[in-house]
Amino acid sequence: MLSYETLMHLHLWTVAPCVPLGLALFLMKKGTKIHRKLGMLYFVLMFFTATVALFLPALVGPTFLGHFGWIHSFCLLTIFVVPRSLYFARTHQVKRHKIGMILLYVGALLIAGAFTLTPGRYLHGVFFS
């Protein structure tokens, strides 16, 4: 089993590029070859980072089953939304794809990311200590 530190670094190295990549995807012309290629990279990174994060035990706040914290709900959101949004894109259900992508970016990156800056979490120590 990988150590907590290794898992945390895998998670950070795969989630960090998703913030600017997701923003670029929102701003660029939709449906182009580059949008599809970058979108697939975004999906793979998001799915991988959510999966890795499920193996990270919650060290701050209450836990469920001695492992999962409330922040793990964003992992489940990601694991659910990524394949559905890919399906919606491939079946040309553009509005549903767009809603999924907004939900994913705001929920899994912005909101969950903001909570990683709270006291007791690793990134709080990196940025504020």
Protein backbone atom coordinates (compact mmCIF):
# COMPACT_ATOMS: atom_id res chain seq x y z
CA MET A 1 0.00 0.00 0.00
CA LEU A 2 1.25 3.46 -0.83
CA SER A 3 1.97 5.86 2.01
CA TYR A 4 -0.30 8.76 2.85
CA GLU A 5 2.38 11.19 1.64
CA THR A 6 2.74 9.41 -1.72
CA LEU A 7 -1.03 9.31 -2.24
CA MET A 8 -1.35 12.97 -1.27
CA HIS A 9 1.34 13.99 -3.75
CA LEU A 10 -0.24 11.88 -6.51
CA HIS A 11 -3.54 13.59 -5.77
CA LEU A 12 -2.02 17.08 -5.78
CA TRP A 13 0.01 16.50 -8.97
CA THR A 14 -3.08 15.28 -10.83
CA VAL A 15 -5.61 17.78 -9.51
CA ALA A 16 -3.49 20.94 -9.81
CA PRO A 17 -3.39 20.98 -13.64
CA CYS A 18 -7.16 20.54 -13.73
CA VAL A 19 -7.79 24.06 -12.42
CA PRO A 20 -6.25 25.93 -15.39
CA LEU A 21 -7.16 23.15 -17.82
CA GLY A 22 -10.82 23.27 -16.84
CA LEU A 23 -10.85 27.04 -17.13
CA ALA A 24 -9.24 26.85 -20.58
CA LEU A 25 -11.88 24.34 -21.67
CA PHE A 26 -14.66 26.67 -20.51
CA LEU A 27 -13.16 29.56 -22.48
CA MET A 28 -12.26 27.80 -25.73
CA LYS A 29 -14.45 27.04 -28.73
CA LYS A 30 -16.47 23.92 -28.05
CA GLY A 31 -16.46 20.77 -30.14
CA THR A 32 -13.09 21.33 -31.77
CA LYS A 33 -10.46 18.61 -31.94
CA ILE A 34 -8.31 20.39 -29.33
CA HIS A 35 -11.33 20.80 -27.02
CA ARG A 36 -12.05 17.07 -27.26
CA LYS A 37 -8.39 16.09 -26.67
CA LEU A 38 -7.93 18.46 -23.72
CA GLY A 39 -11.35 17.44 -22.39
CA MET A 40 -10.30 13.80 -22.39
CA LEU A 41 -7.09 14.71 -20.53
CA TYR A 42 -9.19 16.66 -18.01
CA PHE A 43 -11.54 13.69 -17.55
CA VAL A 44 -8.66 11.23 -17.02
CA LEU A 45 -6.93 13.53 -14.53
CA MET A 46 -10.14 14.23 -12.61
CA PHE A 47 -11.16 10.57 -12.46
CA PHE A 48 -7.68 9.49 -11.37
CA THR A 49 -7.34 12.20 -8.74
CA ALA A 50 -10.77 11.38 -7.27
CA THR A 51 -9.91 7.68 -7.12
CA VAL A 52 -6.59 8.38 -5.39
CA ALA A 53 -8.28 10.72 -2.91
CA LEU A 54 -10.63 7.93 -1.81
CA PHE A 55 -7.58 6.13 -0.41
CA LEU A 56 -6.53 9.18 1.63
CA PRO A 57 -7.99 8.98 5.14
CA ALA A 58 -9.69 12.07 6.50
CA LEU A 59 -7.37 13.60 9.08
CA VAL A 60 -9.55 16.64 9.86
CA GLY A 61 -13.10 16.59 11.19
CA PRO A 62 -15.54 13.75 11.72
CA THR A 63 -15.12 10.50 9.80
CA PHE A 64 -17.37 7.77 8.50
CA LEU A 65 -16.10 4.20 8.93
CA GLY A 66 -12.95 5.66 10.47
CA HIS A 67 -11.67 6.76 7.06
CA PHE A 68 -14.00 8.95 4.99
CA GLY A 69 -14.65 12.62 5.69
CA TRP A 70 -17.24 14.90 4.16
CA ILE A 71 -14.70 16.01 1.54
CA HIS A 72 -14.75 12.48 0.09
CA SER A 73 -18.27 13.24 -1.19
CA PHE A 74 -16.57 15.35 -3.88
CA CYS A 75 -14.69 12.23 -5.00
CA LEU A 76 -17.99 10.44 -5.45
CA LEU A 77 -19.37 13.43 -7.32
CA THR A 78 -16.39 13.30 -9.67
CA ILE A 79 -16.53 9.54 -10.22
CA PHE A 80 -20.24 9.88 -11.05
CA VAL A 81 -20.09 13.05 -13.18
CA VAL A 82 -17.04 12.27 -15.36
CA PRO A 83 -18.40 9.20 -17.19
CA ARG A 84 -21.90 10.69 -17.46
CA SER A 85 -20.55 13.93 -18.93
CA LEU A 86 -18.41 11.99 -21.37
CA TYR A 87 -21.49 10.04 -22.42
CA PHE A 88 -23.47 13.28 -22.81
CA ALA A 89 -20.73 14.81 -24.94
CA ARG A 90 -20.51 11.73 -27.17
CA THR A 91 -24.28 11.60 -27.62
CA HIS A 92 -24.45 15.34 -28.39
CA GLN A 93 -26.46 16.17 -25.27
CA VAL A 94 -24.60 19.45 -25.02
CA LYS A 95 -26.70 21.09 -22.31
CA ARG A 96 -26.39 18.08 -19.98
CA HIS A 97 -22.65 17.88 -20.69
CA LYS A 98 -22.27 21.58 -19.89
CA ILE A 99 -24.18 21.27 -16.61
CA GLY A 100 -22.00 18.33 -15.59
CA MET A 101 -18.81 20.21 -16.39
CA ILE A 102 -19.89 23.27 -14.42
CA LEU A 103 -20.90 21.07 -11.47
CA LEU A 104 -17.58 19.23 -11.63
CA TYR A 105 -15.45 22.36 -11.85
CA VAL A 106 -17.28 24.33 -9.18
CA GLY A 107 -17.89 21.44 -6.79
CA ALA A 108 -14.85 19.22 -7.13
CA LEU A 109 -12.24 21.89 -7.85
CA LEU A 110 -13.33 25.25 -6.47
CA ILE A 111 -15.37 24.28 -3.40
CA ALA A 112 -13.36 21.19 -2.42
CA GLY A 113 -10.16 23.07 -3.23
CA ALA A 114 -11.17 25.95 -0.98
CA PHE A 115 -11.80 23.56 1.90
CA THR A 116 -8.30 22.10 1.51
CA LEU A 117 -7.01 25.46 2.68
CA THR A 118 -8.67 25.16 6.10
CA PRO A 119 -6.51 24.79 9.24
CA GLY A 120 -5.21 21.29 9.85
CA ARG A 121 -5.00 20.37 6.18
CA TYR A 122 -1.73 19.96 4.28
CA LEU A 123 -2.25 22.88 1.87
CA HIS A 124 -3.09 25.23 4.73
CA GLY A 125 0.36 24.49 6.14
CA VAL A 126 1.98 24.98 2.73
CA PHE A 127 0.40 28.36 2.06
CA PHE A 128 -0.09 29.86 5.52
CA SER A 129 2.67 28.52 7.77
